[in-house]
All heavy atoms as atom14 arrays in JSON, in Angstrom:
{
  "sequence": "FTLKNYRIGWFRQAPGKEREGVSCIGSDGSSTRLADSVKGRFTISR",
  "atom14_mask": [
    [1, 1, 1, 1, 1, 1, 1, 1, 1, 1, 1, 0, 0, 0],
    [1, 1, 1, 1, 1, 1, 1, 0, 0, 0, 0, 0, 0, 0],
    [1, 1, 1, 1, 1, 1, 1, 1, 0, 0, 0, 0, 0, 0],
    [1, 1, 1, 1, 1, 1, 1, 1, 1, 0, 0, 0, 0, 0],
    [1, 1, 1, 1, 1, 1, 1, 1, 0, 0, 0, 0, 0, 0],
    [1, 1, 1, 1, 1, 1, 1, 1, 1, 1, 1, 1, 0, 0],
    [1, 1, 1, 1, 1, 1, 1, 1, 1, 1, 1, 0, 0, 0],
    [1, 1, 1, 1, 1, 1, 1, 1, 0, 0, 0, 0, 0, 0],
    [1, 1, 1, 1, 0, 0, 0, 0, 0, 0, 0, 0, 0, 0],
    [1, 1, 1, 1, 1, 1, 1, 1, 1, 1, 1, 1, 1, 1],
    [1, 1, 1, 1, 1, 1, 1, 1, 1, 1, 1, 0, 0, 0],
    [1, 1, 1, 1, 1, 1, 1, 1, 1, 1, 1, 0, 0, 0],
    [1, 1, 1, 1, 1, 1, 1, 1, 1, 0, 0, 0, 0, 0],
    [1, 1, 1, 1, 1, 0, 0, 0, 0, 0, 0, 0, 0, 0],
    [1, 1, 1, 1, 1, 1, 1, 0, 0, 0, 0, 0, 0, 0],
    [1, 1, 1, 1, 0, 0, 0, 0, 0, 0, 0, 0, 0, 0],
    [1, 1, 1, 1, 1, 1, 1, 1, 1, 0, 0, 0, 0, 0],
    [1, 1, 1, 1, 1, 1, 1, 1, 1, 0, 0, 0, 0, 0],
    [1, 1, 1, 1, 1, 1, 1, 1, 1, 1, 1, 0, 0, 0],
    [1, 1, 1, 1, 1, 1, 1, 1, 1, 0, 0, 0, 0, 0],
    [1, 1, 1, 1, 0, 0, 0, 0, 0, 0, 0, 0, 0, 0],
    [1, 1, 1, 1, 1, 1, 1, 0, 0, 0, 0, 0, 0, 0],
    [1, 1, 1, 1, 1, 1, 0, 0, 0, 0, 0, 0, 0, 0],
    [1, 1, 1, 1, 1, 1, 0, 0, 0, 0, 0, 0, 0, 0],
    [1, 1, 1, 1, 1, 1, 1, 1, 0, 0, 0, 0, 0, 0],
    [1, 1, 1, 1, 0, 0, 0, 0, 0, 0, 0, 0, 0, 0],
    [1, 1, 1, 1, 1, 1, 0, 0, 0, 0, 0, 0, 0, 0],
    [1, 1, 1, 1, 1, 1, 1, 1, 0, 0, 0, 0, 0, 0],
    [1, 1, 1, 1, 0, 0, 0, 0, 0, 0, 0, 0, 0, 0],
    [1, 1, 1, 1, 1, 1, 0, 0, 0, 0, 0, 0, 0, 0],
    [1, 1, 1, 1, 1, 1, 0, 0, 0, 0, 0, 0, 0, 0],
    [1, 1, 1, 1, 1, 1, 1, 0, 0, 0, 0, 0, 0, 0],
    [1, 1, 1, 1, 1, 1, 1, 1, 1, 1, 1, 0, 0, 0],
    [1, 1, 1, 1, 1, 1, 1, 1, 0, 0, 0, 0, 0, 0],
    [1, 1, 1, 1, 1, 0, 0, 0, 0, 0, 0, 0, 0, 0],
    [1, 1, 1, 1, 1, 1, 1, 1, 0, 0, 0, 0, 0, 0],
    [1, 1, 1, 1, 1, 1, 0, 0, 0, 0, 0, 0, 0, 0],
    [1, 1, 1, 1, 1, 1, 1, 0, 0, 0, 0, 0, 0, 0],
    [1, 1, 1, 1, 1, 1, 1, 1, 1, 0, 0, 0, 0, 0],
    [1, 1, 1, 1, 0, 0, 0, 0, 0, 0, 0, 0, 0, 0],
    [1, 1, 1, 1, 1, 1, 1, 1, 1, 1, 1, 0, 0, 0],
    [1, 1, 1, 1, 1, 1, 1, 1, 1, 1, 1, 0, 0, 0],
    [1, 1, 1, 1, 1, 1, 1, 0, 0, 0, 0, 0, 0, 0],
    [1, 1, 1, 1, 1, 1, 1, 1, 0, 0, 0, 0, 0, 0],
    [1, 1, 1, 1, 1, 1, 0, 0, 0, 0, 0, 0, 0, 0],
    [1, 1, 1, 1, 1, 1, 1, 1, 1, 1, 1, 0, 0, 0]
  ],
  "atom14_positions": [
    [[78.78, 115.33, -9.15], [79.28, 114.92, -7.88], [80.67, 115.35, -7.69], [81.37, 115.81, -8.68], [79.15, 113.38, -7.77], [80.23, 112.61, -8.67], [81.29, 112.01, -8.1], [80.09, 112.54, -9.99], [82.19, 111.24, -8.87], [81.02, 111.84, -10.8], [81.96, 111.23, -10.19], [0.0, 0.0, 0.0], [0.0, 0.0, 0.0], [0.0, 0.0, 0.0]],
    [[81.19, 115.29, -6.48], [82.55, 115.7, -6.14], [83.48, 114.55, -6.26], [83.44, 113.63, -5.37], [82.64, 116.37, -4.82], [81.74, 117.46, -4.76], [83.99, 116.82, -4.49], [0.0, 0.0, 0.0], [0.0, 0.0, 0.0], [0.0, 0.0, 0.0], [0.0, 0.0, 0.0], [0.0, 0.0, 0.0], [0.0, 0.0, 0.0], [0.0, 0.0, 0.0]],
    [[84.3, 114.53, -7.21], [85.15, 113.41, -7.61], [86.11, 113.04, -6.45], [86.48, 111.86, -6.29], [85.86, 113.74, -8.86], [86.61, 112.57, -9.61], [86.56, 112.85, -11.12], [88.05, 112.62, -9.18], [0.0, 0.0, 0.0], [0.0, 0.0, 0.0], [0.0, 0.0, 0.0], [0.0, 0.0, 0.0], [0.0, 0.0, 0.0], [0.0, 0.0, 0.0]],
    [[86.56, 114.01, -5.73], [87.67, 113.71, -4.8], [87.24, 112.87, -3.63], [88.13, 112.42, -2.93], [88.18, 115.06, -4.18], [87.13, 115.78, -3.23], [87.68, 117.08, -2.7], [86.71, 117.68, -1.72], [87.35, 119.01, -1.16], [0.0, 0.0, 0.0], [0.0, 0.0, 0.0], [0.0, 0.0, 0.0], [0.0, 0.0, 0.0], [0.0, 0.0, 0.0]],
    [[85.94, 112.6, -3.43], [85.51, 111.83, -2.4], [85.5, 110.33, -2.67], [85.13, 109.5, -1.81], [84.03, 112.19, -1.93], [83.99, 113.68, -1.41], [84.99, 114.13, -0.81], [82.84, 114.21, -1.65], [0.0, 0.0, 0.0], [0.0, 0.0, 0.0], [0.0, 0.0, 0.0], [0.0, 0.0, 0.0], [0.0, 0.0, 0.0], [0.0, 0.0, 0.0]],
    [[85.96, 109.93, -3.84], [85.84, 108.67, -4.3], [87.01, 108.11, -4.97], [87.94, 108.84, -5.46], [84.57, 108.51, -5.35], [83.33, 108.99, -4.87], [82.9, 110.34, -5.1], [82.55, 108.25, -3.99], [81.69, 110.92, -4.58], [81.31, 108.69, -3.6], [80.88, 110.05, -3.9], [79.72, 110.47, -3.39], [0.0, 0.0, 0.0], [0.0, 0.0, 0.0]],
    [[87.13, 106.73, -4.98], [88.17, 106.02, -5.73], [87.78, 106.14, -7.24], [86.6, 105.86, -7.58], [88.35, 104.62, -5.36], [89.0, 104.4, -3.88], [89.61, 103.09, -3.83], [88.65, 102.03, -3.68], [88.92, 100.76, -3.52], [90.26, 100.38, -3.36], [88.01, 99.88, -3.46], [0.0, 0.0, 0.0], [0.0, 0.0, 0.0], [0.0, 0.0, 0.0]],
    [[88.74, 106.43, -7.99], [88.57, 106.49, -9.53], [89.52, 105.67, -10.19], [90.73, 105.52, -9.85], [88.92, 107.9, -9.94], [87.98, 109.02, -9.26], [88.6, 108.08, -11.52], [86.53, 108.8, -9.46], [0.0, 0.0, 0.0], [0.0, 0.0, 0.0], [0.0, 0.0, 0.0], [0.0, 0.0, 0.0], [0.0, 0.0, 0.0], [0.0, 0.0, 0.0]],
    [[89.04, 104.9, -11.18], [89.97, 104.05, -11.92], [89.91, 104.27, -13.39], [88.91, 104.82, -13.95], [0.0, 0.0, 0.0], [0.0, 0.0, 0.0], [0.0, 0.0, 0.0], [0.0, 0.0, 0.0], [0.0, 0.0, 0.0], [0.0, 0.0, 0.0], [0.0, 0.0, 0.0], [0.0, 0.0, 0.0], [0.0, 0.0, 0.0], [0.0, 0.0, 0.0]],
    [[91.04, 103.93, -14.01], [91.13, 103.97, -15.5], [91.21, 102.58, -15.96], [91.98, 101.62, -15.37], [92.42, 104.67, -15.94], [92.26, 106.18, -15.98], [92.71, 107.04, -15.06], [91.67, 106.99, -16.93], [92.41, 108.31, -15.39], [91.77, 108.3, -16.6], [91.07, 106.68, -18.25], [91.32, 109.4, -17.32], [90.5, 107.77, -18.96], [90.67, 109.08, -18.46]],
    [[90.42, 102.17, -16.95], [90.37, 100.87, -17.52], [90.51, 101.0, -18.97], [90.33, 102.05, -19.64], [89.02, 100.21, -17.21], [88.82, 99.98, -15.64], [88.37, 101.07, -14.9], [89.02, 98.79, -15.06], [88.2, 100.94, -13.61], [88.84, 98.63, -13.64], [88.44, 99.69, -12.95], [0.0, 0.0, 0.0], [0.0, 0.0, 0.0], [0.0, 0.0, 0.0]],
    [[90.74, 99.87, -19.69], [90.86, 99.76, -21.13], [90.36, 98.56, -21.7], [90.44, 97.52, -21.08], [92.32, 100.04, -21.55], [93.27, 99.01, -21.26], [94.74, 99.46, -21.65], [95.74, 98.43, -21.4], [96.99, 98.59, -21.45], [97.56, 99.81, -21.91], [97.9, 97.64, -21.24], [0.0, 0.0, 0.0], [0.0, 0.0, 0.0], [0.0, 0.0, 0.0]],
    [[89.84, 98.57, -22.83], [89.45, 97.46, -23.62], [89.92, 97.41, -25.05], [89.54, 98.39, -25.79], [87.91, 97.24, -23.5], [87.42, 95.93, -24.05], [86.01, 95.65, -23.7], [85.31, 96.5, -23.29], [85.6, 94.44, -23.79], [0.0, 0.0, 0.0], [0.0, 0.0, 0.0], [0.0, 0.0, 0.0], [0.0, 0.0, 0.0], [0.0, 0.0, 0.0]],
    [[90.71, 96.5, -25.39], [91.21, 96.43, -26.73], [90.28, 95.44, -27.56], [89.56, 94.69, -26.97], [92.64, 95.75, -26.74], [0.0, 0.0, 0.0], [0.0, 0.0, 0.0], [0.0, 0.0, 0.0], [0.0, 0.0, 0.0], [0.0, 0.0, 0.0], [0.0, 0.0, 0.0], [0.0, 0.0, 0.0], [0.0, 0.0, 0.0], [0.0, 0.0, 0.0]],
    [[90.26, 95.61, -28.84], [89.32, 94.76, -29.73], [89.58, 93.35, -29.44], [90.69, 92.86, -29.37], [89.85, 95.13, -31.17], [90.31, 96.52, -31.05], [91.03, 96.58, -29.64], [0.0, 0.0, 0.0], [0.0, 0.0, 0.0], [0.0, 0.0, 0.0], [0.0, 0.0, 0.0], [0.0, 0.0, 0.0], [0.0, 0.0, 0.0], [0.0, 0.0, 0.0]],
    [[88.46, 92.63, -29.14], [88.62, 91.18, -28.96], [89.16, 90.69, -27.6], [89.29, 89.56, -27.33], [0.0, 0.0, 0.0], [0.0, 0.0, 0.0], [0.0, 0.0, 0.0], [0.0, 0.0, 0.0], [0.0, 0.0, 0.0], [0.0, 0.0, 0.0], [0.0, 0.0, 0.0], [0.0, 0.0, 0.0], [0.0, 0.0, 0.0], [0.0, 0.0, 0.0]],
    [[89.35, 91.68, -26.71], [89.87, 91.39, -25.38], [89.01, 91.82, -24.33], [88.08, 92.73, -24.53], [91.17, 92.01, -25.19], [92.3, 91.51, -26.12], [93.77, 91.97, -25.78], [94.72, 91.33, -26.62], [96.1, 91.81, -26.27], [0.0, 0.0, 0.0], [0.0, 0.0, 0.0], [0.0, 0.0, 0.0], [0.0, 0.0, 0.0], [0.0, 0.0, 0.0]],
    [[89.1, 91.37, -23.09], [88.36, 91.78, -21.9], [88.85, 93.1, -21.4], [89.98, 93.49, -21.65], [88.39, 90.66, -20.82], [87.65, 89.35, -21.2], [87.67, 88.43, -19.94], [88.17, 88.71, -19.04], [87.09, 87.32, -20.12], [0.0, 0.0, 0.0], [0.0, 0.0, 0.0], [0.0, 0.0, 0.0], [0.0, 0.0, 0.0], [0.0, 0.0, 0.0]],
    [[87.92, 93.81, -20.82], [88.35, 95.18, -20.13], [89.33, 94.74, -19.08], [89.09, 93.87, -18.23], [87.07, 95.77, -19.7], [87.39, 97.17, -19.17], [86.13, 97.96, -19.0], [85.05, 97.24, -18.27], [83.84, 97.64, -18.2], [83.48, 98.65, -18.89], [82.91, 96.93, -17.58], [0.0, 0.0, 0.0], [0.0, 0.0, 0.0], [0.0, 0.0, 0.0]],
    [[90.32, 95.62, -18.87], [91.3, 95.45, -17.82], [91.62, 96.71, -17.05], [91.5, 97.81, -17.66], [92.63, 94.87, -18.43], [93.33, 95.87, -19.35], [94.72, 95.38, -19.8], [95.25, 94.52, -19.07], [95.26, 95.95, -20.77], [0.0, 0.0, 0.0], [0.0, 0.0, 0.0], [0.0, 0.0, 0.0], [0.0, 0.0, 0.0], [0.0, 0.0, 0.0]],
    [[91.95, 96.6, -15.86], [92.26, 97.82, -15.05], [93.72, 98.24, -15.29], [94.54, 97.44, -15.5], [0.0, 0.0, 0.0], [0.0, 0.0, 0.0], [0.0, 0.0, 0.0], [0.0, 0.0, 0.0], [0.0, 0.0, 0.0], [0.0, 0.0, 0.0], [0.0, 0.0, 0.0], [0.0, 0.0, 0.0], [0.0, 0.0, 0.0], [0.0, 0.0, 0.0]],
    [[93.74, 99.55, -15.52], [95.14, 100.09, -15.88], [95.73, 100.93, -14.68], [96.84, 100.7, -14.26], [94.88, 101.18, -17.04], [96.23, 101.81, -17.33], [94.43, 100.47, -18.27], [0.0, 0.0, 0.0], [0.0, 0.0, 0.0], [0.0, 0.0, 0.0], [0.0, 0.0, 0.0], [0.0, 0.0, 0.0], [0.0, 0.0, 0.0], [0.0, 0.0, 0.0]],
    [[94.88, 101.66, -13.98], [95.33, 102.45, -12.82], [94.2, 102.96, -12.1], [93.14, 103.12, -12.6], [96.25, 103.68, -13.28], [96.81, 104.29, -12.25], [0.0, 0.0, 0.0], [0.0, 0.0, 0.0], [0.0, 0.0, 0.0], [0.0, 0.0, 0.0], [0.0, 0.0, 0.0], [0.0, 0.0, 0.0], [0.0, 0.0, 0.0], [0.0, 0.0, 0.0]],
    [[94.4, 103.22, -10.8], [93.36, 103.74, -9.96], [93.99, 104.59, -8.84], [95.19, 104.53, -8.56], [92.43, 102.77, -9.44], [93.2, 101.4, -8.55], [0.0, 0.0, 0.0], [0.0, 0.0, 0.0], [0.0, 0.0, 0.0], [0.0, 0.0, 0.0], [0.0, 0.0, 0.0], [0.0, 0.0, 0.0], [0.0, 0.0, 0.0], [0.0, 0.0, 0.0]],
    [[93.18, 105.53, -8.32], [93.63, 106.45, -7.33], [92.63, 106.48, -6.2], [91.32, 106.53, -6.36], [93.95, 107.82, -7.9], [94.57, 108.79, -6.84], [92.63, 108.41, -8.48], [95.22, 110.06, -7.57], [0.0, 0.0, 0.0], [0.0, 0.0, 0.0], [0.0, 0.0, 0.0], [0.0, 0.0, 0.0], [0.0, 0.0, 0.0], [0.0, 0.0, 0.0]],
    [[93.06, 106.54, -4.91], [92.22, 106.59, -3.81], [91.65, 108.07, -3.6], [92.09, 109.0, -4.15], [0.0, 0.0, 0.0], [0.0, 0.0, 0.0], [0.0, 0.0, 0.0], [0.0, 0.0, 0.0], [0.0, 0.0, 0.0], [0.0, 0.0, 0.0], [0.0, 0.0, 0.0], [0.0, 0.0, 0.0], [0.0, 0.0, 0.0], [0.0, 0.0, 0.0]],
    [[90.66, 108.06, -2.68], [90.01, 109.34, -2.44], [90.85, 110.36, -1.88], [90.67, 111.62, -2.02], [88.76, 109.08, -1.62], [89.14, 108.51, -0.27], [0.0, 0.0, 0.0], [0.0, 0.0, 0.0], [0.0, 0.0, 0.0], [0.0, 0.0, 0.0], [0.0, 0.0, 0.0], [0.0, 0.0, 0.0], [0.0, 0.0, 0.0], [0.0, 0.0, 0.0]],
    [[91.97, 109.82, -1.17], [92.89, 110.86, -0.57], [93.94, 111.42, -1.53], [94.66, 112.21, -1.26], [93.6, 110.2, 0.65], [94.37, 108.91, 0.25], [94.42, 108.69, -0.97], [95.0, 108.5, 1.16], [0.0, 0.0, 0.0], [0.0, 0.0, 0.0], [0.0, 0.0, 0.0], [0.0, 0.0, 0.0], [0.0, 0.0, 0.0], [0.0, 0.0, 0.0]],
    [[93.88, 110.75, -2.68], [94.88, 111.14, -3.76], [96.29, 110.64, -3.57], [97.13, 110.72, -4.55], [0.0, 0.0, 0.0], [0.0, 0.0, 0.0], [0.0, 0.0, 0.0], [0.0, 0.0, 0.0], [0.0, 0.0, 0.0], [0.0, 0.0, 0.0], [0.0, 0.0, 0.0], [0.0, 0.0, 0.0], [0.0, 0.0, 0.0], [0.0, 0.0, 0.0]],
    [[96.61, 110.1, -2.43], [97.96, 109.54, -2.26], [98.24, 108.14, -2.51], [99.27, 107.69, -2.78], [98.3, 109.87, -0.72], [97.55, 109.07, 0.06], [0.0, 0.0, 0.0], [0.0, 0.0, 0.0], [0.0, 0.0, 0.0], [0.0, 0.0, 0.0], [0.0, 0.0, 0.0], [0.0, 0.0, 0.0], [0.0, 0.0, 0.0], [0.0, 0.0, 0.0]],
    [[97.1, 107.37, -2.52], [97.25, 105.96, -2.78], [96.96, 105.68, -4.28], [95.88, 106.0, -4.72], [96.38, 105.15, -1.96], [95.05, 105.54, -2.09], [0.0, 0.0, 0.0], [0.0, 0.0, 0.0], [0.0, 0.0, 0.0], [0.0, 0.0, 0.0], [0.0, 0.0, 0.0], [0.0, 0.0, 0.0], [0.0, 0.0, 0.0], [0.0, 0.0, 0.0]],
    [[97.72, 105.12, -5.02], [97.62, 104.85, -6.39], [97.99, 103.47, -6.65], [98.83, 102.76, -5.98], [98.43, 105.71, -7.35], [99.81, 105.61, -7.1], [98.0, 107.2, -7.13], [0.0, 0.0, 0.0], [0.0, 0.0, 0.0], [0.0, 0.0, 0.0], [0.0, 0.0, 0.0], [0.0, 0.0, 0.0], [0.0, 0.0, 0.0], [0.0, 0.0, 0.0]],
    [[97.45, 102.85, -7.75], [97.85, 101.5, -8.2], [98.04, 101.53, -9.73], [97.26, 102.27, -10.39], [96.79, 100.51, -7.84], [96.55, 100.38, -6.29], [95.95, 99.1, -5.92], [96.75, 97.95, -6.32], [96.36, 96.63, -6.03], [95.21, 96.42, -5.34], [97.2, 95.7, -6.33], [0.0, 0.0, 0.0], [0.0, 0.0, 0.0], [0.0, 0.0, 0.0]],
    [[98.81, 100.63, -10.12], [99.13, 100.58, -11.63], [99.17, 99.17, -11.98], [99.73, 98.26, -11.2], [100.43, 101.29, -11.94], [100.56, 102.77, -11.95], [102.03, 103.18, -12.12], [99.72, 103.36, -13.07], [0.0, 0.0, 0.0], [0.0, 0.0, 0.0], [0.0, 0.0, 0.0], [0.0, 0.0, 0.0], [0.0, 0.0, 0.0], [0.0, 0.0, 0.0]],
    [[98.63, 98.74, -13.13], [98.76, 97.4, -13.61], [100.21, 97.21, -13.94], [101.03, 98.15, -14.3], [97.95, 97.19, -14.84], [0.0, 0.0, 0.0], [0.0, 0.0, 0.0], [0.0, 0.0, 0.0], [0.0, 0.0, 0.0], [0.0, 0.0, 0.0], [0.0, 0.0, 0.0], [0.0, 0.0, 0.0], [0.0, 0.0, 0.0], [0.0, 0.0, 0.0]],
    [[100.68, 95.94, -13.82], [102.04, 95.72, -14.16], [102.48, 96.06, -15.59], [103.61, 96.52, -15.84], [102.33, 94.17, -14.0], [102.32, 93.69, -12.52], [102.47, 94.59, -11.67], [102.2, 92.52, -12.23], [0.0, 0.0, 0.0], [0.0, 0.0, 0.0], [0.0, 0.0, 0.0], [0.0, 0.0, 0.0], [0.0, 0.0, 0.0], [0.0, 0.0, 0.0]],
    [[101.57, 95.98, -16.52], [101.91, 96.28, -17.93], [102.14, 97.73, -18.13], [102.72, 98.03, -19.28], [100.73, 95.78, -18.85], [99.56, 96.5, -18.43], [0.0, 0.0, 0.0], [0.0, 0.0, 0.0], [0.0, 0.0, 0.0], [0.0, 0.0, 0.0], [0.0, 0.0, 0.0], [0.0, 0.0, 0.0], [0.0, 0.0, 0.0], [0.0, 0.0, 0.0]],
    [[101.81, 98.59, -17.29], [102.04, 100.0, -17.53], [102.92, 100.64, -16.49], [103.16, 101.85, -16.54], [100.67, 100.77, -17.58], [99.76, 100.14, -18.62], [100.04, 100.8, -16.14], [0.0, 0.0, 0.0], [0.0, 0.0, 0.0], [0.0, 0.0, 0.0], [0.0, 0.0, 0.0], [0.0, 0.0, 0.0], [0.0, 0.0, 0.0], [0.0, 0.0, 0.0]],
    [[103.55, 99.87, -15.53], [104.28, 100.45, -14.52], [105.56, 101.03, -15.06], [106.11, 100.49, -15.99], [104.64, 99.44, -13.44], [103.54, 99.15, -12.47], [103.99, 97.98, -11.49], [102.96, 97.74, -10.43], [103.29, 96.73, -9.44], [0.0, 0.0, 0.0], [0.0, 0.0, 0.0], [0.0, 0.0, 0.0], [0.0, 0.0, 0.0], [0.0, 0.0, 0.0]],
    [[105.92, 102.23, -14.68], [107.07, 102.95, -15.23], [106.83, 103.81, -16.37], [107.59, 104.48, -16.84], [0.0, 0.0, 0.0], [0.0, 0.0, 0.0], [0.0, 0.0, 0.0], [0.0, 0.0, 0.0], [0.0, 0.0, 0.0], [0.0, 0.0, 0.0], [0.0, 0.0, 0.0], [0.0, 0.0, 0.0], [0.0, 0.0, 0.0], [0.0, 0.0, 0.0]],
    [[105.54, 103.62, -16.91], [105.14, 104.38, -18.18], [103.97, 105.25, -17.9], [103.9, 106.37, -18.54], [104.88, 103.42, -19.27], [105.98, 102.5, -19.58], [105.73, 101.71, -20.87], [104.56, 100.78, -20.78], [103.5, 100.87, -21.55], [103.4, 101.73, -22.58], [102.52, 100.07, -21.34], [0.0, 0.0, 0.0], [0.0, 0.0, 0.0], [0.0, 0.0, 0.0]],
    [[103.06, 104.79, -17.03], [101.73, 105.53, -16.85], [101.76, 106.22, -15.43], [102.36, 105.55, -14.56], [100.52, 104.68, -16.96], [100.26, 104.26, -18.41], [101.15, 104.41, -19.44], [99.04, 103.68, -18.71], [100.84, 103.97, -20.75], [98.72, 103.22, -19.96], [99.57, 103.34, -20.97], [0.0, 0.0, 0.0], [0.0, 0.0, 0.0], [0.0, 0.0, 0.0]],
    [[101.16, 107.3, -15.24], [100.97, 107.98, -14.03], [99.58, 108.47, -13.9], [99.06, 109.08, -14.84], [101.95, 109.13, -13.85], [103.32, 108.65, -14.01], [101.83, 109.74, -12.42], [0.0, 0.0, 0.0], [0.0, 0.0, 0.0], [0.0, 0.0, 0.0], [0.0, 0.0, 0.0], [0.0, 0.0, 0.0], [0.0, 0.0, 0.0], [0.0, 0.0, 0.0]],
    [[98.97, 108.22, -12.69], [97.54, 108.7, -12.46], [97.65, 109.81, -11.42], [98.51, 109.85, -10.48], [96.6, 107.64, -11.93], [95.18, 108.13, -11.87], [97.22, 107.11, -10.62], [94.23, 107.02, -11.68], [0.0, 0.0, 0.0], [0.0, 0.0, 0.0], [0.0, 0.0, 0.0], [0.0, 0.0, 0.0], [0.0, 0.0, 0.0], [0.0, 0.0, 0.0]],
    [[96.92, 110.84, -11.56], [96.83, 111.96, -10.73], [95.45, 112.66, -10.69], [94.61, 112.3, -11.58], [97.9, 113.1, -11.08], [97.66, 113.6, -12.35], [0.0, 0.0, 0.0], [0.0, 0.0, 0.0], [0.0, 0.0, 0.0], [0.0, 0.0, 0.0], [0.0, 0.0, 0.0], [0.0, 0.0, 0.0], [0.0, 0.0, 0.0], [0.0, 0.0, 0.0]],
    [[95.24, 113.47, -9.72], [93.97, 114.21, -9.71], [94.05, 115.66, -9.34], [95.0, 116.0, -8.71], [92.97, 113.45, -8.72], [93.47, 113.55, -7.25], [92.74, 112.49, -6.38], [91.24, 112.58, -6.56], [90.38, 111.43, -6.28], [90.93, 110.33, -5.77], [89.14, 111.65, -6.42], [0.0, 0.0, 0.0], [0.0, 0.0, 0.0], [0.0, 0.0, 0.0]]
  ]
}
């Protein structure tokens, strides 16, 4: 499938913990979100 048409997210799961959202990017590539725990350290791009 063509990835650019969809929202894509990165998630993580540490041992013994629930899965959490880390970052995601909109289909247009301009709208991004970051979890508070990674702001200023992580960047998402496509």
